[in-house]
Protein backbone atom coordinates (compact mmCIF):
# COMPACT_ATOMS: atom_id res chain seq x y z
CA UNK A 1 6.95 -25.97 9.64
CA UNK A 2 6.39 -22.43 9.44
CA UNK A 3 7.33 -19.64 7.00
CA UNK A 4 8.34 -16.50 7.85
CA UNK A 5 8.29 -12.88 5.70
CA UNK A 6 9.81 -10.11 6.95
CA UNK A 7 9.84 -6.80 5.50
CA UNK A 8 8.50 -3.13 5.55
CA UNK A 9 6.07 -1.45 4.38
CA UNK A 10 5.57 -1.66 0.36
CA UNK A 11 7.86 -4.81 -0.27
CA UNK A 12 5.03 -7.04 -1.00
CA UNK A 13 4.94 -9.18 2.33
CA UNK A 14 1.52 -9.34 2.67
CA UNK A 15 1.06 -10.10 -0.95
CA UNK A 16 3.79 -13.02 -0.65
CA UNK A 17 2.46 -14.38 2.51
CA UNK A 18 -0.93 -15.19 1.12
CA UNK A 19 0.36 -16.63 -1.95
CA UNK A 20 2.21 -19.09 0.32
CA UNK A 21 -1.28 -19.33 2.07
CA UNK A 22 -2.88 -20.19 -1.25
CA UNK A 23 -0.63 -22.02 -2.61
CA UNK A 24 0.98 -24.32 0.35
CA UNK A 25 -1.91 -24.51 2.74
CA UNK A 26 -0.37 -22.25 5.22
CA UNK A 27 -2.87 -20.47 7.65
CA UNK A 28 -1.98 -16.54 7.57
CA UNK A 29 -1.22 -14.52 10.58
CA UNK A 30 0.51 -11.11 10.62
CA UNK A 31 2.44 -9.59 13.50
CA UNK A 32 -0.19 -7.18 14.89
CA UNK A 33 -2.51 -10.25 15.29
CA UNK A 34 -0.18 -11.82 17.20
CA UNK A 35 0.79 -8.88 19.18
CA UNK A 36 -2.37 -7.14 19.57
CA UNK A 37 -1.45 -4.20 17.34
CA UNK A 38 1.81 -3.88 19.68
CA UNK A 39 4.85 -5.27 18.01
CA UNK A 40 6.58 -7.38 20.68
CA UNK A 41 9.33 -9.73 19.45
CA UNK A 42 8.97 -12.15 22.48
CA UNK A 43 5.06 -12.60 21.84
CA UNK A 44 6.16 -13.92 18.08
CA UNK A 45 8.76 -16.11 19.34
CA UNK A 46 6.43 -17.63 21.60
CA UNK A 47 4.23 -18.04 18.98
CA UNK A 48 6.37 -19.58 16.49
CA UNK A 49 7.20 -21.99 19.73
CA UNK A 50 3.76 -23.09 19.92
CA UNK A 51 2.37 -23.31 16.47
CA UNK A 52 2.88 -24.89 13.41
CA UNK A 53 2.06 -24.63 9.96
CA UNK A 54 1.71 -20.82 9.92
CA UNK A 55 3.10 -18.17 7.28
CA UNK A 56 3.59 -15.09 9.39
CA UNK A 57 4.09 -11.64 7.68
CA UNK A 58 6.33 -9.52 9.70
CA UNK A 59 7.62 -6.10 9.49
CA UNK A 60 11.03 -6.58 10.46
CA UNK A 61 9.91 -7.60 14.10
CA UNK A 62 11.78 -10.57 14.13
CA UNK A 63 15.79 -10.05 14.09
CA UNK A 64 17.70 -13.08 11.81
CA UNK A 65 19.66 -13.82 14.60
CA UNK A 66 16.56 -15.08 16.35
CA UNK A 67 15.23 -16.84 13.35
CA UNK A 68 18.68 -19.23 14.23
CA UNK A 69 16.71 -20.57 17.30
CA UNK A 70 14.33 -21.90 15.55
CA UNK A 71 14.15 -25.47 13.61
CA UNK A 72 10.56 -25.43 12.51
CA UNK A 73 10.81 -22.12 10.18
CA UNK A 74 11.82 -21.34 6.78
CA UNK A 75 12.60 -17.61 6.95
CA UNK A 76 13.06 -14.74 3.73
CA UNK A 77 13.44 -11.17 4.45
CA UNK A 78 12.64 -8.37 2.10
CA UNK A 79 13.87 -4.96 1.73
CA UNK A 80 14.54 -2.14 -0.34
CA UNK A 81 18.39 -1.63 -1.20
CA UNK A 82 19.12 -0.83 -4.81
CA UNK A 83 15.89 1.17 -6.00
CA UNK A 84 15.75 4.85 -6.16
CA UNK A 85 14.29 6.63 -3.08
CA UNK A 86 12.63 8.69 -5.21
CA UNK A 87 11.54 6.38 -7.68
CA UNK A 88 10.30 4.28 -4.42
CA UNK A 89 8.67 7.17 -3.27
CA UNK A 90 6.47 7.83 -6.23
CA UNK A 91 5.72 4.25 -7.07
CA UNK A 92 4.28 3.85 -3.30
CA UNK A 93 2.58 7.54 -3.55
CA UNK A 94 1.01 5.87 -6.47
CA UNK A 95 -0.35 2.87 -4.62
CA UNK A 96 -1.94 5.22 -2.02
CA UNK A 97 0.75 4.37 0.54
CA UNK A 98 0.92 7.02 3.30
CA UNK A 99 4.61 7.41 3.45
CA UNK A 100 6.78 10.69 3.45
CA UNK A 101 10.27 10.63 1.77
CA UNK A 102 11.90 10.62 5.14
CA UNK A 103 10.59 7.38 6.06
CA UNK A 104 11.36 5.85 2.33
CA UNK A 105 14.92 7.03 3.03
CA UNK A 106 14.94 5.52 6.63
CA UNK A 107 13.23 2.44 4.99
CA UNK A 108 16.40 1.87 2.71
CA UNK A 109 18.87 2.18 5.49
CA UNK A 110 16.79 -0.07 7.59
CA UNK A 111 16.88 -2.41 4.78
CA UNK A 112 20.78 -2.23 4.48
CA UNK A 113 21.36 -3.22 7.76
CA UNK A 114 18.49 -6.12 7.38
CA UNK A 115 20.68 -7.33 4.57
CA UNK A 116 23.82 -7.06 6.20
CA UNK A 117 22.86 -9.08 8.67
CA UNK A 118 21.35 -11.64 6.83
CA UNK A 119 24.40 -12.00 4.50
CA UNK A 120 26.38 -12.85 7.91
CA UNK A 121 24.20 -15.29 8.77
CA UNK A 122 23.73 -16.43 5.66
CA UNK A 123 19.70 -16.03 5.34
CA UNK A 124 18.12 -15.04 2.35
CA UNK A 125 17.53 -11.50 1.98
CA UNK A 126 15.54 -10.24 -1.10
CA UNK A 127 16.00 -6.68 -2.73
CA UNK A 128 12.71 -6.01 -3.78
CA UNK A 129 12.85 -3.29 -6.71
CA UNK A 130 10.40 -2.63 -9.67
CA UNK A 131 10.54 -6.24 -10.58
CA UNK A 132 8.52 -7.62 -7.88
CA UNK A 133 6.65 -10.10 -9.50
CA UNK A 134 9.86 -11.72 -10.49
CA UNK A 135 10.93 -11.93 -7.24
CA UNK A 136 7.99 -12.88 -5.27
CA UNK A 137 8.18 -16.03 -8.35
CA UNK A 138 11.69 -16.96 -7.16
CA UNK A 139 10.71 -17.38 -3.56
CA UNK A 140 7.71 -19.18 -4.58
CA UNK A 141 10.19 -21.53 -6.22
CA UNK A 142 12.41 -21.39 -3.52
CA UNK A 143 10.33 -22.23 -1.29
CA UNK A 144 8.95 -25.15 -3.28
CA UNK A 145 11.71 -26.54 -3.47
CA UNK A 146 12.55 -26.52 0.27
CA UNK A 147 9.22 -28.18 0.88
CA UNK A 148 9.50 -30.93 -1.16
């Protein structure tokens, strides 16, 4: 079994993935490690097919439709949908993130597309807003229920 955490910069995917690793004993890996710094969905698919007991921290580098190809994964998608772009920009700048307001706007647009694809495929998508820890706790509880 592998756990897939997909999200954009600032969604908390690395924090969540490392918590899953610590709590449930999955080995942590990210898409840049799998792909040697150049994202390649085929390499990620091969990694999932060839490995087990990993939590994969991916930056939307695995389309939700491709998750349907696997029986050995539990996917979660994270994004920014309902948060105000100016507020998100301020929050990310306060965290020291190097991101522009245009990138924030683009990320919200991408998140909305990802949310719609997840909805159509009946896959979990979590809208990350300023209550991030609440959402992370909700995902951890859901995962605990799925693993037991």
